[in-house]
Amino acid sequence: MFLYEVITPSEVENFFDLPSGSVRRDIHRGKFRSSEIRKSGATWLITKREALRVYKNELTMIPVVDDRDWVLLHMKEELENPVFDDLVRKVLDKPFMDENDIQNLADLYYDGLSNGMEDGKYIPFAQWFYEFYEDRIMDVENEKEEKTMQEQFYALLEEMEKTVNDEKASVSFNDYSIDIMDVLEDGTNGYGHTFYSVAEAVDYLKSIGALE
C-alpha cells in the first residue's frame, strides 16, 4: 500500500531532466529502497519522496503532530506497506512484533520528532527508520540472497522488453561478470568485452545495435 504520491520512471526522468531509461537502470542498480517502489503490470511506480531522495538527496518533510497517539497512528499506517513492514521486523529481529514492540518503536520516532520538528514538519516514519537504523539495514540487505548476474541481466532485458540479437553479439556469464563477444558481419567473432555491471553490459549491447 502506498500512502504517498507515486510517479512512473518516465515522469521521474522528465521532472529531474534525466536521460531516458536511466531510472530503470537505477532500479536494477539498487539505488531505490525496495519499500518505496513496486511494479504494476509492466510499469514501475516510485514514491515521489524516494525520487527526491535519490536524485536530489532530499528527505521529505510532512506535517506532523507532537502527540504520541498521532505518532502511533502514522507509524501503523506506514507499516501497512508489507515490504517496509517485513524490513522493520528483520532489522529489529522480531518476526512477530507485539503491541509493546510497536509502542517502543513509536517512542523512538516520537523522540526524534519532538526534538527535530521544524515549523510543524518532520520526516515521515519510514524515512526516519532508514536513517536511524542505517547500519543495521545495510547488514540486513547484505544478508539477502543476491540474484546471479545472469538473472539480473535477463530481468533488465525483460523490463526493457528487449532480447539479444545473436547475429550481432554473444553473451556469457560468470559469477561476477558478463562477457560479450562481438559478432562480425561474416559471422565470426570480433572483440570480447567484460562487464562487471549489468546496466553497463546492456548499455553496450544497445550501443552496438544488438538489442531488438
N, C-alpha and C. Protein backbone atom coordinates (compact mmCIF):
# COMPACT_ATOMS: atom_id res chain seq x y z
N MET A 1 0.85 -1.20 0.00
CA MET A 1 0.00 0.00 0.00
C MET A 1 0.88 1.25 0.00
N PHE A 2 0.55 2.17 -0.89
CA PHE A 2 1.31 3.40 -0.96
C PHE A 2 0.49 4.55 -0.38
N LEU A 3 1.07 5.22 0.60
CA LEU A 3 0.39 6.32 1.26
C LEU A 3 0.78 7.66 0.67
N TYR A 4 1.78 7.65 -0.21
CA TYR A 4 2.30 8.90 -0.74
C TYR A 4 2.22 8.87 -2.26
N GLU A 5 2.31 10.05 -2.85
CA GLU A 5 2.21 10.19 -4.28
C GLU A 5 3.25 9.34 -4.99
N VAL A 6 2.83 8.63 -6.03
CA VAL A 6 3.75 7.81 -6.80
C VAL A 6 3.84 8.34 -8.22
N ILE A 7 5.01 8.13 -8.83
CA ILE A 7 5.23 8.56 -10.20
C ILE A 7 5.94 7.45 -10.96
N THR A 8 5.86 7.50 -12.27
CA THR A 8 6.46 6.48 -13.12
C THR A 8 7.90 6.88 -13.47
N PRO A 9 8.71 5.93 -13.96
CA PRO A 9 10.08 6.27 -14.34
C PRO A 9 10.16 7.42 -15.34
N SER A 10 9.28 7.42 -16.34
CA SER A 10 9.32 8.50 -17.33
C SER A 10 8.99 9.84 -16.70
N GLU A 11 8.07 9.85 -15.73
CA GLU A 11 7.75 11.10 -15.04
C GLU A 11 8.92 11.57 -14.19
N VAL A 12 9.62 10.63 -13.57
CA VAL A 12 10.82 10.99 -12.79
C VAL A 12 11.86 11.61 -13.71
N GLU A 13 12.06 10.99 -14.88
CA GLU A 13 13.06 11.49 -15.82
C GLU A 13 12.71 12.88 -16.32
N ASN A 14 11.43 13.13 -16.58
CA ASN A 14 11.00 14.46 -17.01
C ASN A 14 11.18 15.48 -15.89
N PHE A 15 10.82 15.08 -14.69
CA PHE A 15 10.86 16.00 -13.55
C PHE A 15 12.29 16.42 -13.22
N PHE A 16 13.22 15.45 -13.31
CA PHE A 16 14.61 15.73 -12.93
C PHE A 16 15.53 15.91 -14.13
N ASP A 17 14.94 15.93 -15.33
CA ASP A 17 15.71 16.12 -16.56
C ASP A 17 16.80 15.06 -16.69
N LEU A 18 16.39 13.79 -16.61
CA LEU A 18 17.31 12.66 -16.69
C LEU A 18 17.23 12.01 -18.06
N PRO A 19 18.30 11.36 -18.50
CA PRO A 19 18.27 10.65 -19.78
C PRO A 19 17.22 9.52 -19.76
N SER A 20 16.62 9.27 -20.89
CA SER A 20 15.62 8.21 -20.99
C SER A 20 16.24 6.86 -20.61
N GLY A 21 15.52 6.11 -19.79
CA GLY A 21 15.98 4.78 -19.37
C GLY A 21 16.85 4.77 -18.14
N SER A 22 17.25 5.95 -17.66
CA SER A 22 18.17 5.99 -16.52
C SER A 22 17.51 5.51 -15.23
N VAL A 23 16.22 5.77 -15.06
CA VAL A 23 15.55 5.37 -13.82
C VAL A 23 15.44 3.85 -13.75
N ARG A 24 15.08 3.22 -14.86
CA ARG A 24 15.00 1.75 -14.87
C ARG A 24 16.37 1.14 -14.55
N ARG A 25 17.43 1.72 -15.09
CA ARG A 25 18.76 1.21 -14.79
C ARG A 25 19.07 1.40 -13.31
N ASP A 26 18.69 2.55 -12.76
CA ASP A 26 18.95 2.80 -11.34
C ASP A 26 18.15 1.86 -10.44
N ILE A 27 16.97 1.47 -10.90
CA ILE A 27 16.18 0.49 -10.14
C ILE A 27 16.95 -0.82 -10.05
N HIS A 28 17.49 -1.26 -11.16
CA HIS A 28 18.22 -2.54 -11.18
C HIS A 28 19.59 -2.41 -10.54
N ARG A 29 20.09 -1.20 -10.39
CA ARG A 29 21.35 -0.99 -9.68
C ARG A 29 21.14 -0.92 -8.18
N GLY A 30 19.89 -0.96 -7.75
CA GLY A 30 19.59 -0.96 -6.32
C GLY A 30 19.63 0.40 -5.67
N LYS A 31 19.47 1.47 -6.44
CA LYS A 31 19.53 2.81 -5.84
C LYS A 31 18.27 3.17 -5.07
N PHE A 32 17.16 2.50 -5.39
CA PHE A 32 15.89 2.80 -4.73
C PHE A 32 15.62 1.82 -3.60
N ARG A 33 15.03 2.31 -2.54
CA ARG A 33 14.64 1.44 -1.44
C ARG A 33 13.46 0.58 -1.88
N SER A 34 13.56 -0.71 -1.62
CA SER A 34 12.55 -1.65 -2.12
C SER A 34 11.15 -1.36 -1.60
N SER A 35 11.06 -0.75 -0.43
CA SER A 35 9.74 -0.45 0.13
C SER A 35 9.11 0.79 -0.49
N GLU A 36 9.87 1.52 -1.31
CA GLU A 36 9.38 2.76 -1.91
C GLU A 36 9.08 2.60 -3.40
N ILE A 37 9.20 1.40 -3.92
CA ILE A 37 8.87 1.15 -5.33
C ILE A 37 8.08 -0.15 -5.42
N ARG A 38 7.31 -0.26 -6.47
CA ARG A 38 6.64 -1.52 -6.76
C ARG A 38 6.28 -1.54 -8.24
N LYS A 39 6.00 -2.72 -8.74
CA LYS A 39 5.67 -2.86 -10.15
C LYS A 39 4.18 -3.09 -10.30
N SER A 40 3.56 -2.34 -11.20
CA SER A 40 2.14 -2.51 -11.53
C SER A 40 2.07 -2.90 -13.00
N GLY A 41 1.87 -4.18 -13.26
CA GLY A 41 1.93 -4.65 -14.63
C GLY A 41 3.36 -4.53 -15.13
N ALA A 42 3.55 -3.80 -16.22
CA ALA A 42 4.89 -3.59 -16.77
C ALA A 42 5.49 -2.27 -16.33
N THR A 43 4.79 -1.54 -15.47
CA THR A 43 5.21 -0.19 -15.09
C THR A 43 5.69 -0.15 -13.64
N TRP A 44 6.84 0.47 -13.43
CA TRP A 44 7.32 0.72 -12.08
C TRP A 44 6.64 1.95 -11.51
N LEU A 45 6.29 1.89 -10.24
CA LEU A 45 5.76 3.05 -9.52
C LEU A 45 6.73 3.38 -8.39
N ILE A 46 7.09 4.63 -8.30
CA ILE A 46 8.09 5.09 -7.33
C ILE A 46 7.48 6.21 -6.51
N THR A 47 7.64 6.16 -5.18
CA THR A 47 7.12 7.28 -4.40
C THR A 47 7.92 8.53 -4.72
N LYS A 48 7.21 9.64 -4.77
CA LYS A 48 7.88 10.89 -5.12
C LYS A 48 8.94 11.23 -4.08
N ARG A 49 8.67 10.88 -2.83
CA ARG A 49 9.65 11.18 -1.78
C ARG A 49 10.94 10.40 -2.01
N GLU A 50 10.83 9.18 -2.58
CA GLU A 50 12.02 8.39 -2.85
C GLU A 50 12.79 8.97 -4.03
N ALA A 51 12.07 9.43 -5.03
CA ALA A 51 12.73 10.06 -6.18
C ALA A 51 13.51 11.30 -5.74
N LEU A 52 12.92 12.08 -4.84
CA LEU A 52 13.61 13.26 -4.31
C LEU A 52 14.86 12.86 -3.53
N ARG A 53 14.77 11.77 -2.79
CA ARG A 53 15.93 11.32 -2.01
C ARG A 53 17.06 10.87 -2.94
N VAL A 54 16.71 10.12 -3.98
CA VAL A 54 17.73 9.55 -4.86
C VAL A 54 18.37 10.62 -5.75
N TYR A 55 17.53 11.50 -6.32
CA TYR A 55 18.06 12.41 -7.33
C TYR A 55 18.32 13.83 -6.84
N LYS A 56 17.84 14.16 -5.65
CA LYS A 56 18.12 15.49 -5.09
C LYS A 56 18.76 15.41 -3.71
N ASN A 57 18.90 14.18 -3.20
CA ASN A 57 19.46 13.98 -1.87
C ASN A 57 18.67 14.76 -0.82
N GLU A 58 17.35 14.75 -0.97
CA GLU A 58 16.48 15.49 -0.05
C GLU A 58 15.51 14.53 0.63
N LEU A 59 15.33 14.70 1.93
CA LEU A 59 14.29 13.98 2.65
C LEU A 59 13.01 14.81 2.62
N THR A 60 11.88 14.13 2.63
CA THR A 60 10.60 14.81 2.54
C THR A 60 10.07 15.17 3.92
N MET A 61 9.72 16.40 4.11
CA MET A 61 9.12 16.86 5.36
C MET A 61 7.61 16.84 5.23
N ILE A 62 6.94 16.28 6.23
CA ILE A 62 5.48 16.22 6.22
C ILE A 62 4.93 16.92 7.46
N PRO A 63 3.70 17.42 7.41
CA PRO A 63 3.09 17.99 8.61
C PRO A 63 2.92 16.91 9.67
N VAL A 64 3.33 17.19 10.89
CA VAL A 64 3.24 16.22 11.98
C VAL A 64 2.58 16.86 13.20
N VAL A 65 2.24 16.01 14.14
CA VAL A 65 1.62 16.47 15.39
C VAL A 65 2.46 15.95 16.55
N ASP A 66 2.79 16.84 17.46
CA ASP A 66 3.60 16.46 18.63
C ASP A 66 2.70 15.76 19.64
N ASP A 67 2.33 14.54 19.28
CA ASP A 67 1.38 13.78 20.09
C ASP A 67 1.65 12.29 19.89
N ARG A 68 1.79 11.54 20.97
CA ARG A 68 2.15 10.13 20.87
C ARG A 68 1.09 9.31 20.14
N ASP A 69 -0.17 9.64 20.33
CA ASP A 69 -1.22 8.89 19.63
C ASP A 69 -1.14 9.11 18.13
N TRP A 70 -0.85 10.35 17.72
CA TRP A 70 -0.71 10.64 16.29
C TRP A 70 0.48 9.87 15.73
N VAL A 71 1.57 9.86 16.47
CA VAL A 71 2.78 9.15 16.03
C VAL A 71 2.49 7.67 15.84
N LEU A 72 1.79 7.08 16.78
CA LEU A 72 1.48 5.66 16.70
C LEU A 72 0.61 5.36 15.49
N LEU A 73 -0.37 6.21 15.24
CA LEU A 73 -1.26 6.02 14.09
C LEU A 73 -0.47 6.16 12.78
N HIS A 74 0.36 7.18 12.70
CA HIS A 74 1.17 7.40 11.49
C HIS A 74 2.11 6.22 11.25
N MET A 75 2.73 5.73 12.29
CA MET A 75 3.64 4.62 12.15
C MET A 75 2.92 3.37 11.67
N LYS A 76 1.76 3.10 12.22
CA LYS A 76 0.99 1.92 11.81
C LYS A 76 0.55 2.03 10.36
N GLU A 77 0.25 3.24 9.91
CA GLU A 77 -0.13 3.44 8.51
C GLU A 77 1.05 3.13 7.59
N GLU A 78 2.23 3.57 7.98
CA GLU A 78 3.41 3.27 7.17
C GLU A 78 3.70 1.77 7.15
N LEU A 79 3.44 1.09 8.25
CA LEU A 79 3.69 -0.34 8.33
C LEU A 79 2.67 -1.17 7.55
N GLU A 80 1.65 -0.51 7.00
CA GLU A 80 0.73 -1.22 6.12
C GLU A 80 1.38 -1.57 4.79
N ASN A 81 2.51 -0.95 4.52
CA ASN A 81 3.31 -1.33 3.36
C ASN A 81 4.01 -2.64 3.72
N PRO A 82 3.63 -3.76 3.10
CA PRO A 82 4.17 -5.06 3.53
C PRO A 82 5.67 -5.20 3.35
N VAL A 83 6.25 -4.54 2.35
CA VAL A 83 7.70 -4.63 2.14
C VAL A 83 8.43 -3.91 3.26
N PHE A 84 7.93 -2.74 3.61
CA PHE A 84 8.54 -1.98 4.70
C PHE A 84 8.34 -2.70 6.04
N ASP A 85 7.16 -3.23 6.25
CA ASP A 85 6.87 -3.97 7.49
C ASP A 85 7.82 -5.15 7.64
N ASP A 86 8.08 -5.86 6.54
CA ASP A 86 9.00 -7.00 6.59
C ASP A 86 10.40 -6.54 6.93
N LEU A 87 10.81 -5.40 6.35
CA LEU A 87 12.15 -4.87 6.65
C LEU A 87 12.27 -4.51 8.13
N VAL A 88 11.26 -3.85 8.67
CA VAL A 88 11.30 -3.46 10.09
C VAL A 88 11.46 -4.68 10.98
N ARG A 89 10.71 -5.73 10.70
CA ARG A 89 10.79 -6.94 11.51
C ARG A 89 12.18 -7.58 11.43
N LYS A 90 12.77 -7.56 10.24
CA LYS A 90 14.10 -8.14 10.09
C LYS A 90 15.15 -7.30 10.79
N VAL A 91 15.05 -5.98 10.67
CA VAL A 91 16.02 -5.10 11.30
C VAL A 91 15.96 -5.23 12.82
N LEU A 92 14.76 -5.30 13.35
CA LEU A 92 14.59 -5.42 14.80
C LEU A 92 14.73 -6.85 15.28
N ASP A 93 14.86 -7.78 14.32
CA ASP A 93 14.94 -9.21 14.66
C ASP A 93 13.74 -9.64 15.49
N LYS A 94 12.57 -9.20 15.03
CA LYS A 94 11.31 -9.54 15.71
C LYS A 94 10.28 -9.97 14.66
N PRO A 95 10.30 -11.26 14.28
CA PRO A 95 9.35 -11.73 13.26
C PRO A 95 7.90 -11.52 13.66
N PHE A 96 7.63 -11.54 14.96
CA PHE A 96 6.26 -11.38 15.44
C PHE A 96 6.21 -10.20 16.42
N MET A 97 6.05 -9.01 15.86
CA MET A 97 6.02 -7.81 16.68
C MET A 97 4.69 -7.70 17.42
N ASP A 98 4.77 -7.48 18.74
CA ASP A 98 3.55 -7.28 19.51
C ASP A 98 3.36 -5.79 19.77
N GLU A 99 2.32 -5.44 20.49
CA GLU A 99 2.00 -4.03 20.74
C GLU A 99 3.11 -3.31 21.50
N ASN A 100 3.78 -4.04 22.40
CA ASN A 100 4.89 -3.42 23.13
C ASN A 100 6.04 -3.06 22.20
N ASP A 101 6.33 -3.95 21.25
CA ASP A 101 7.39 -3.67 20.28
C ASP A 101 7.05 -2.44 19.44
N ILE A 102 5.80 -2.38 19.01
CA ILE A 102 5.36 -1.26 18.19
C ILE A 102 5.41 0.04 19.00
N GLN A 103 4.99 -0.05 20.26
CA GLN A 103 4.99 1.14 21.10
C GLN A 103 6.42 1.62 21.36
N ASN A 104 7.32 0.70 21.60
CA ASN A 104 8.72 1.08 21.83
C ASN A 104 9.32 1.76 20.61
N LEU A 105 8.99 1.26 19.44
CA LEU A 105 9.48 1.87 18.20
C LEU A 105 8.85 3.25 18.00
N ALA A 106 7.57 3.36 18.31
CA ALA A 106 6.89 4.64 18.20
C ALA A 106 7.51 5.66 19.15
N ASP A 107 7.92 5.22 20.31
CA ASP A 107 8.54 6.13 21.28
C ASP A 107 9.86 6.69 20.73
N LEU A 108 10.63 5.85 20.04
CA LEU A 108 11.89 6.31 19.46
C LEU A 108 11.62 7.36 18.39
N TYR A 109 10.64 7.08 17.54
CA TYR A 109 10.31 8.05 16.48
C TYR A 109 9.76 9.34 17.09
N TYR A 110 8.97 9.20 18.14
CA TYR A 110 8.42 10.39 18.80
C TYR A 110 9.53 11.27 19.37
N ASP A 111 10.54 10.64 19.95
CA ASP A 111 11.67 11.41 20.48
C ASP A 111 12.34 12.21 19.37
N GLY A 112 12.53 11.57 18.22
CA GLY A 112 13.13 12.27 17.09
C GLY A 112 12.26 13.40 16.60
N LEU A 113 10.96 13.13 16.52
CA LEU A 113 10.01 14.13 16.04
C LEU A 113 9.95 15.33 16.98
N SER A 114 9.82 15.07 18.27
CA SER A 114 9.66 16.16 19.23
C SER A 114 10.90 17.04 19.32
N ASN A 115 12.08 16.44 19.06
CA ASN A 115 13.32 17.21 19.12
C ASN A 115 13.72 17.82 17.77
N GLY A 116 13.22 17.22 16.70
CA GLY A 116 13.65 17.68 15.37
C GLY A 116 12.59 18.39 14.56
N MET A 117 11.40 18.50 15.06
CA MET A 117 10.31 19.13 14.32
C MET A 117 10.61 20.61 14.05
N GLU A 118 10.38 21.05 12.83
CA GLU A 118 10.57 22.45 12.45
C GLU A 118 9.33 22.95 11.73
N ASP A 119 8.75 24.01 12.25
CA ASP A 119 7.55 24.61 11.66
C ASP A 119 6.45 23.58 11.46
N GLY A 120 6.31 22.70 12.45
CA GLY A 120 5.24 21.70 12.39
C GLY A 120 5.49 20.57 11.41
N LYS A 121 6.75 20.41 10.95
CA LYS A 121 7.05 19.36 9.98
C LYS A 121 8.24 18.51 10.44
N TYR A 122 8.23 17.26 9.99
CA TYR A 122 9.32 16.33 10.29
C TYR A 122 9.29 15.24 9.22
N ILE A 123 10.35 14.46 9.13
CA ILE A 123 10.39 13.39 8.14
C ILE A 123 9.42 12.28 8.53
N PRO A 124 8.80 11.60 7.55
CA PRO A 124 7.89 10.50 7.85
C PRO A 124 8.61 9.34 8.52
N PHE A 125 7.82 8.50 9.16
CA PHE A 125 8.40 7.40 9.94
C PHE A 125 9.34 6.53 9.10
N ALA A 126 8.94 6.19 7.87
CA ALA A 126 9.77 5.30 7.06
C ALA A 126 11.14 5.90 6.81
N GLN A 127 11.18 7.18 6.46
CA GLN A 127 12.48 7.80 6.20
C GLN A 127 13.29 7.92 7.49
N TRP A 128 12.62 8.19 8.59
CA TRP A 128 13.33 8.22 9.88
C TRP A 128 13.92 6.86 10.17
N PHE A 129 13.17 5.78 9.92
CA PHE A 129 13.64 4.43 10.22
C PHE A 129 14.89 4.11 9.42
N TYR A 130 14.88 4.46 8.15
CA TYR A 130 16.05 4.21 7.31
C TYR A 130 17.27 4.99 7.79
N GLU A 131 17.07 6.19 8.30
CA GLU A 131 18.18 6.99 8.80
C GLU A 131 18.66 6.46 10.16
N PHE A 132 17.73 6.16 11.04
CA PHE A 132 18.06 5.76 12.40
C PHE A 132 18.74 4.39 12.44
N TYR A 133 18.29 3.47 11.56
CA TYR A 133 18.82 2.11 11.56
C TYR A 133 19.69 1.84 10.32
N GLU A 134 20.36 2.86 9.84
CA GLU A 134 21.09 2.75 8.58
C GLU A 134 22.07 1.58 8.56
N ASP A 135 22.89 1.45 9.60
CA ASP A 135 23.90 0.40 9.61
C ASP A 135 23.27 -0.99 9.67
N ARG A 136 22.26 -1.13 10.49
CA ARG A 136 21.61 -2.43 10.62
C ARG A 136 20.88 -2.81 9.33
N ILE A 137 20.28 -1.82 8.67
CA ILE A 137 19.60 -2.09 7.40
C ILE A 137 20.60 -2.56 6.36
N MET A 138 21.77 -1.95 6.36
CA MET A 138 22.81 -2.36 5.42
C MET A 138 23.20 -3.81 5.65
N ASP A 139 23.29 -4.19 6.92
CA ASP A 139 23.61 -5.59 7.24
C ASP A 139 22.53 -6.53 6.72
N VAL A 140 21.27 -6.14 6.94
CA VAL A 140 20.15 -6.97 6.50
C VAL A 140 20.14 -7.09 4.98
N GLU A 141 20.37 -5.98 4.30
CA GLU A 141 20.38 -6.00 2.83
C GLU A 141 21.50 -6.89 2.32
N ASN A 142 22.63 -6.87 2.98
CA ASN A 142 23.76 -7.70 2.55
C ASN A 142 23.51 -9.18 2.79
N GLU A 143 22.62 -9.47 3.72
CA GLU A 143 22.30 -10.86 4.02
C GLU A 143 21.34 -11.47 3.02
N LYS A 144 20.70 -10.62 2.21
CA LYS A 144 19.74 -11.13 1.24
C LYS A 144 20.44 -11.98 0.19
N GLU A 145 19.74 -12.95 -0.27
CA GLU A 145 20.28 -13.77 -1.35
C GLU A 145 20.26 -12.95 -2.63
N GLU A 146 21.43 -12.74 -3.20
CA GLU A 146 21.52 -11.91 -4.39
C GLU A 146 21.25 -12.73 -5.65
N LYS A 147 20.64 -12.08 -6.63
CA LYS A 147 20.44 -12.72 -7.92
C LYS A 147 21.78 -12.86 -8.62
N THR A 148 21.90 -13.90 -9.42
CA THR A 148 23.12 -14.07 -10.21
C THR A 148 23.17 -12.98 -11.27
N MET A 149 24.35 -12.78 -11.85
CA MET A 149 24.49 -11.81 -12.93
C MET A 149 23.54 -12.15 -14.08
N GLN A 150 23.41 -13.43 -14.37
CA GLN A 150 22.55 -13.84 -15.47
C GLN A 150 21.09 -13.50 -15.17
N GLU A 151 20.65 -13.75 -13.94
CA GLU A 151 19.27 -13.43 -13.57
C GLU A 151 19.01 -11.93 -13.64
N GLN A 152 19.97 -11.14 -13.15
CA GLN A 152 19.82 -9.69 -13.21
C GLN A 152 19.78 -9.20 -14.65
N PHE A 153 20.63 -9.79 -15.49
CA PHE A 153 20.72 -9.39 -16.89
C PHE A 153 19.39 -9.60 -17.60
N TYR A 154 18.84 -10.79 -17.47
CA TYR A 154 17.61 -11.09 -18.19
C TYR A 154 16.39 -10.40 -17.56
N ALA A 155 16.48 -10.11 -16.28
CA ALA A 155 15.40 -9.33 -15.65
C ALA A 155 15.36 -7.92 -16.22
N LEU A 156 16.54 -7.34 -16.44
CA LEU A 156 16.59 -5.99 -17.01
C LEU A 156 16.12 -6.00 -18.46
N LEU A 157 16.52 -7.01 -19.23
CA LEU A 157 16.05 -7.10 -20.61
C LEU A 157 14.54 -7.27 -20.68
N GLU A 158 14.00 -8.07 -19.77
CA GLU A 158 12.55 -8.25 -19.72
C GLU A 158 11.85 -6.94 -19.40
N GLU A 159 12.43 -6.18 -18.46
CA GLU A 159 11.89 -4.88 -18.10
C GLU A 159 11.90 -3.94 -19.31
N MET A 160 12.95 -4.01 -20.11
CA MET A 160 13.08 -3.16 -21.29
C MET A 160 12.33 -3.72 -22.50
N GLU A 161 11.81 -4.95 -22.34
CA GLU A 161 11.12 -5.64 -23.44
C GLU A 161 12.05 -5.80 -24.64
N LYS A 162 13.29 -6.24 -24.34
CA LYS A 162 14.30 -6.41 -25.37
C LYS A 162 14.88 -7.82 -25.30
N THR A 163 15.46 -8.27 -26.40
CA THR A 163 16.21 -9.51 -26.45
C THR A 163 17.54 -9.25 -27.16
N VAL A 164 18.49 -10.16 -26.99
CA VAL A 164 19.79 -10.02 -27.63
C VAL A 164 19.73 -10.63 -29.03
N ASN A 165 20.20 -9.86 -30.00
CA ASN A 165 20.32 -10.36 -31.37
C ASN A 165 21.61 -11.18 -31.46
N ASP A 166 21.48 -12.50 -31.55
CA ASP A 166 22.65 -13.38 -31.55
C ASP A 166 23.52 -13.20 -32.78
N GLU A 167 22.99 -12.54 -33.80
CA GLU A 167 23.79 -12.32 -35.01
C GLU A 167 24.73 -11.14 -34.84
N LYS A 168 24.58 -10.38 -33.73
CA LYS A 168 25.44 -9.22 -33.50
C LYS A 168 26.31 -9.37 -32.26
N ALA A 169 25.90 -10.22 -31.33
CA ALA A 169 26.70 -10.40 -30.12
C ALA A 169 26.33 -11.69 -29.43
N SER A 170 27.31 -12.28 -28.75
CA SER A 170 27.04 -13.44 -27.90
C SER A 170 27.37 -13.07 -26.46
N VAL A 171 26.57 -13.59 -25.54
CA VAL A 171 26.70 -13.21 -24.13
C VAL A 171 26.92 -14.46 -23.29
N SER A 172 27.90 -14.39 -22.38
CA SER A 172 28.13 -15.47 -21.43
C SER A 172 28.32 -14.87 -20.04
N PHE A 173 28.17 -15.70 -19.02
CA PHE A 173 28.12 -15.19 -17.66
C PHE A 173 29.10 -15.92 -16.75
N ASN A 174 29.68 -15.15 -15.84
CA ASN A 174 30.48 -15.69 -14.74
C ASN A 174 29.82 -15.25 -13.43
N ASP A 175 30.41 -15.60 -12.31
CA ASP A 175 29.81 -15.26 -11.03
C ASP A 175 29.65 -13.75 -10.85
N TYR A 176 30.65 -12.99 -11.28
CA TYR A 176 30.63 -11.56 -11.01
C TYR A 176 30.83 -10.70 -12.25
N SER A 177 30.69 -11.30 -13.42
CA SER A 177 30.91 -10.53 -14.64
C SER A 177 30.08 -11.09 -15.79
N ILE A 178 30.01 -10.28 -16.84
CA ILE A 178 29.31 -10.66 -18.07
C ILE A 178 30.29 -10.46 -19.22
N ASP A 179 30.47 -11.49 -20.03
CA ASP A 179 31.35 -11.41 -21.19
C ASP A 179 30.51 -11.27 -22.46
N ILE A 180 30.84 -10.27 -23.27
CA ILE A 180 30.13 -10.04 -24.52
C ILE A 180 31.13 -10.12 -25.66
N MET A 181 30.81 -10.96 -26.63
CA MET A 181 31.67 -11.12 -27.81
C MET A 181 30.94 -10.54 -29.01
N ASP A 182 31.59 -9.56 -29.65
CA ASP A 182 31.01 -9.00 -30.87
C ASP A 182 30.98 -10.08 -31.96
N VAL A 183 29.90 -10.08 -32.74
CA VAL A 183 29.82 -10.97 -33.89
C VAL A 183 29.91 -10.12 -35.15
N LEU A 184 30.88 -10.43 -35.98
CA LEU A 184 31.11 -9.65 -37.20
C LEU A 184 30.09 -10.02 -38.28
N GLU A 185 30.06 -9.22 -39.34
CA GLU A 185 29.08 -9.43 -40.40
C GLU A 185 29.22 -10.78 -41.07
N ASP A 186 30.44 -11.34 -41.10
CA ASP A 186 30.64 -12.65 -41.71
C ASP A 186 30.36 -13.81 -40.76
N GLY A 187 29.89 -13.45 -39.52
CA GLY A 187 29.53 -14.48 -38.56
C GLY A 187 30.65 -14.91 -37.65
N THR A 188 31.84 -14.38 -37.84
CA THR A 188 32.96 -14.73 -36.98
C THR A 188 32.98 -13.81 -35.76
N ASN A 189 33.72 -14.25 -34.75
CA ASN A 189 33.80 -13.47 -33.52
C ASN A 189 34.74 -12.28 -33.68
N GLY A 190 34.35 -11.17 -33.08
CA GLY A 190 35.18 -9.98 -33.07
C GLY A 190 35.82 -9.80 -31.71
N TYR A 191 35.78 -8.57 -31.22
CA TYR A 191 36.38 -8.27 -29.92
C TYR A 191 35.50 -8.79 -28.78
N GLY A 192 36.16 -9.14 -27.69
CA GLY A 192 35.46 -9.53 -26.47
C GLY A 192 35.52 -8.43 -25.43
N HIS A 193 34.49 -8.34 -24.62
CA HIS A 193 34.40 -7.30 -23.60
C HIS A 193 33.87 -7.90 -22.31
N THR A 194 34.41 -7.49 -21.19
CA THR A 194 33.96 -7.95 -19.88
C THR A 194 33.36 -6.79 -19.10
N PHE A 195 32.19 -7.03 -18.53
CA PHE A 195 31.49 -6.01 -17.75
C PHE A 195 31.19 -6.55 -16.36
N TYR A 196 31.33 -5.69 -15.39
CA TYR A 196 31.04 -6.07 -14.00
C TYR A 196 29.75 -5.43 -13.51
N SER A 197 29.04 -4.80 -14.40
CA SER A 197 27.75 -4.17 -14.11
C SER A 197 26.76 -4.59 -15.19
N VAL A 198 25.59 -5.08 -14.75
CA VAL A 198 24.55 -5.48 -15.70
C VAL A 198 24.13 -4.30 -16.57
N ALA A 199 23.95 -3.16 -15.95
CA ALA A 199 23.49 -1.98 -16.69
C ALA A 199 24.51 -1.58 -17.76
N GLU A 200 25.80 -1.65 -17.43
CA GLU A 200 26.83 -1.28 -18.40
C GLU A 200 26.86 -2.28 -19.55
N ALA A 201 26.65 -3.55 -19.26
CA ALA A 201 26.61 -4.57 -20.31
C ALA A 201 25.45 -4.31 -21.26
N VAL A 202 24.30 -4.01 -20.69
CA VAL A 202 23.13 -3.73 -21.52
C VAL A 202 23.32 -2.45 -22.32
N ASP A 203 23.93 -1.45 -21.72
CA ASP A 203 24.20 -0.21 -22.44
C ASP A 203 25.11 -0.47 -23.65
N TYR A 204 26.10 -1.35 -23.46
CA TYR A 204 26.99 -1.66 -24.57
C TYR A 204 26.24 -2.37 -25.68
N LEU A 205 25.42 -3.36 -25.34
CA LEU A 205 24.65 -4.07 -26.36
C LEU A 205 23.74 -3.10 -27.13
N LYS A 206 23.20 -2.16 -26.41
CA LYS A 206 22.35 -1.15 -27.05
C LYS A 206 23.16 -0.30 -28.01
N SER A 207 24.39 0.05 -27.60
CA SER A 207 25.23 0.95 -28.41
C SER A 207 25.66 0.30 -29.73
N ILE A 208 25.77 -1.04 -29.76
CA ILE A 208 26.19 -1.71 -31.00
C ILE A 208 24.98 -2.28 -31.76
N GLY A 209 23.78 -1.92 -31.32
CA GLY A 209 22.58 -2.35 -32.02
C GLY A 209 22.27 -3.82 -31.87
N ALA A 210 22.68 -4.41 -30.73
CA ALA A 210 22.48 -5.84 -30.52
C ALA A 210 21.23 -6.16 -29.72
N LEU A 211 20.42 -5.15 -29.45
CA LEU A 211 19.14 -5.38 -28.75
C LEU A 211 18.00 -5.14 -29.73
N GLU A 212 16.99 -5.98 -29.62
CA GLU A 212 15.84 -5.81 -30.50
C GLU A 212 14.55 -6.14 -29.79
